[in-house]
Amino acid sequence: MNIITFMTFAILVITILTLVFGVLAYFLYKIRESKKKVHILEEGYEEMLTKQDTDYIFFKKVNLYERPETN
């Protein structure tokens, strides 16, 4: 087999595999993002301020990827 034919075939296979893995990675990313739990606040910052009767509200940073501890 000629070296040019072999290299052409190798480039074609690598290109097709790259496209397939790219599409697969995209769909896996979309599945992972859809499984994330998004907490939607029903009240705004001003409503929370009036409820707490303070000047500022301090929020805790929550890691969405960390599993909650169960005791």
C-alpha atoms as a PDB file:
ATOM      1  CA  MET A   1       0.000   0.000   0.000  1.00  0.00           C
ATOM      2  CA  ASN A   2       1.249   3.431  -0.873  1.00  0.00           C
ATOM      3  CA  ILE A   3       2.247   5.720   2.056  1.00  0.00           C
ATOM      4  CA  ILE A   4       0.082   8.579   0.738  1.00  0.00           C
ATOM      5  CA  THR A   5      -3.005   6.349   0.679  1.00  0.00           C
ATOM      6  CA  PHE A   6      -2.289   5.121   4.211  1.00  0.00           C
ATOM      7  CA  MET A   7      -1.786   8.659   5.580  1.00  0.00           C
ATOM      8  CA  THR A   8      -4.949   9.888   3.846  1.00  0.00           C
ATOM      9  CA  PHE A   9      -6.941   7.038   5.358  1.00  0.00           C
ATOM     10  CA  ALA A  10      -5.430   7.692   8.827  1.00  0.00           C
ATOM     11  CA  ILE A  11      -6.314  11.398   8.660  1.00  0.00           C
ATOM     12  CA  LEU A  12      -9.871  10.555   7.568  1.00  0.00           C
ATOM     13  CA  VAL A  13     -10.357   8.070  10.442  1.00  0.00           C
ATOM     14  CA  ILE A  14      -8.914  10.475  13.019  1.00  0.00           C
ATOM     15  CA  THR A  15     -11.171  13.294  11.771  1.00  0.00           C
ATOM     16  CA  ILE A  16     -14.292  11.125  11.947  1.00  0.00           C
ATOM     17  CA  LEU A  17     -13.377   9.893  15.460  1.00  0.00           C
ATOM     18  CA  THR A  18     -12.810  13.482  16.613  1.00  0.00           C
ATOM     19  CA  LEU A  19     -16.251  14.517  15.375  1.00  0.00           C
ATOM     20  CA  VAL A  20     -17.914  11.491  16.999  1.00  0.00           C
ATOM     21  CA  PHE A  21     -16.201  12.106  20.363  1.00  0.00           C
ATOM     22  CA  GLY A  22     -17.079  15.798  20.170  1.00  0.00           C
ATOM     23  CA  VAL A  23     -20.778  15.084  19.667  1.00  0.00           C
ATOM     24  CA  LEU A  24     -20.713  12.431  22.407  1.00  0.00           C
ATOM     25  CA  ALA A  25     -19.024  14.812  24.842  1.00  0.00           C
ATOM     26  CA  TYR A  26     -21.619  17.496  24.068  1.00  0.00           C
ATOM     27  CA  PHE A  27     -24.525  15.179  24.847  1.00  0.00           C
ATOM     28  CA  LEU A  28     -22.867  13.916  28.035  1.00  0.00           C
ATOM     29  CA  TYR A  29     -22.347  17.547  29.103  1.00  0.00           C
ATOM     30  CA  LYS A  30     -26.018  18.342  28.470  1.00  0.00           C
ATOM     31  CA  ILE A  31     -27.105  15.309  30.497  1.00  0.00           C
ATOM     32  CA  ARG A  32     -24.858  16.329  33.404  1.00  0.00           C
ATOM     33  CA  GLU A  33     -26.128  19.915  33.328  1.00  0.00           C
ATOM     34  CA  SER A  34     -29.765  18.789  33.286  1.00  0.00           C
ATOM     35  CA  LYS A  35     -29.197  16.682  36.426  1.00  0.00           C
ATOM     36  CA  LYS A  36     -27.871  19.630  38.424  1.00  0.00           C
ATOM     37  CA  LYS A  37     -30.272  20.921  41.015  1.00  0.00           C
ATOM     38  CA  VAL A  38     -30.868  24.617  40.566  1.00  0.00           C
ATOM     39  CA  HIS A  39     -32.216  26.469  43.536  1.00  0.00           C
ATOM     40  CA  ILE A  40     -34.525  29.252  42.440  1.00  0.00           C
ATOM     41  CA  LEU A  41     -35.213  31.948  44.979  1.00  0.00           C
ATOM     42  CA  GLU A  42     -38.848  32.921  45.095  1.00  0.00           C
ATOM     43  CA  GLU A  43     -38.214  36.235  46.782  1.00  0.00           C
ATOM     44  CA  GLY A  44     -35.755  38.962  45.934  1.00  0.00           C
ATOM     45  CA  TYR A  45     -32.949  40.538  47.907  1.00  0.00           C
ATOM     46  CA  GLU A  46     -35.095  43.471  49.080  1.00  0.00           C
ATOM     47  CA  GLU A  47     -37.796  41.161  50.420  1.00  0.00           C
ATOM     48  CA  MET A  48     -35.181  39.204  52.351  1.00  0.00           C
ATOM     49  CA  LEU A  49     -33.794  42.418  53.837  1.00  0.00           C
ATOM     50  CA  THR A  50     -37.187  43.494  55.113  1.00  0.00           C
ATOM     51  CA  LYS A  51     -37.853  40.020  56.503  1.00  0.00           C
ATOM     52  CA  GLN A  52     -34.485  39.883  58.340  1.00  0.00           C
ATOM     53  CA  ASP A  53     -34.692  43.561  59.402  1.00  0.00           C
ATOM     54  CA  THR A  54     -30.948  44.104  58.806  1.00  0.00           C
ATOM     55  CA  ASP A  55     -28.780  46.141  56.473  1.00  0.00           C
ATOM     56  CA  TYR A  56     -26.988  43.219  54.818  1.00  0.00           C
ATOM     57  CA  ILE A  57     -27.570  39.552  54.157  1.00  0.00           C
ATOM     58  CA  PHE A  58     -24.623  37.171  54.037  1.00  0.00           C
ATOM     59  CA  PHE A  59     -25.033  34.081  51.912  1.00  0.00           C
ATOM     60  CA  LYS A  60     -23.145  30.827  52.363  1.00  0.00           C
ATOM     61  CA  LYS A  61     -21.324  29.448  49.358  1.00  0.00           C
ATOM     62  CA  VAL A  62     -22.749  26.047  48.441  1.00  0.00           C
ATOM     63  CA  ASN A  63     -20.783  23.496  46.463  1.00  0.00           C
ATOM     64  CA  LEU A  64     -23.262  21.843  44.089  1.00  0.00           C
ATOM     65  CA  TYR A  65     -20.936  18.927  43.391  1.00  0.00           C
ATOM     66  CA  GLU A  66     -20.467  17.966  47.037  1.00  0.00           C
ATOM     67  CA  ARG A  67     -22.754  15.298  48.424  1.00  0.00           C
ATOM     68  CA  PRO A  68     -24.708  16.258  51.523  1.00  0.00           C
ATOM     69  CA  GLU A  69     -23.704  14.491  54.685  1.00  0.00           C
ATOM     70  CA  THR A  70     -26.241  12.024  56.035  1.00  0.00           C
ATOM     71  CA  ASN A  71     -26.053  10.935  59.648  1.00  0.00           C
END
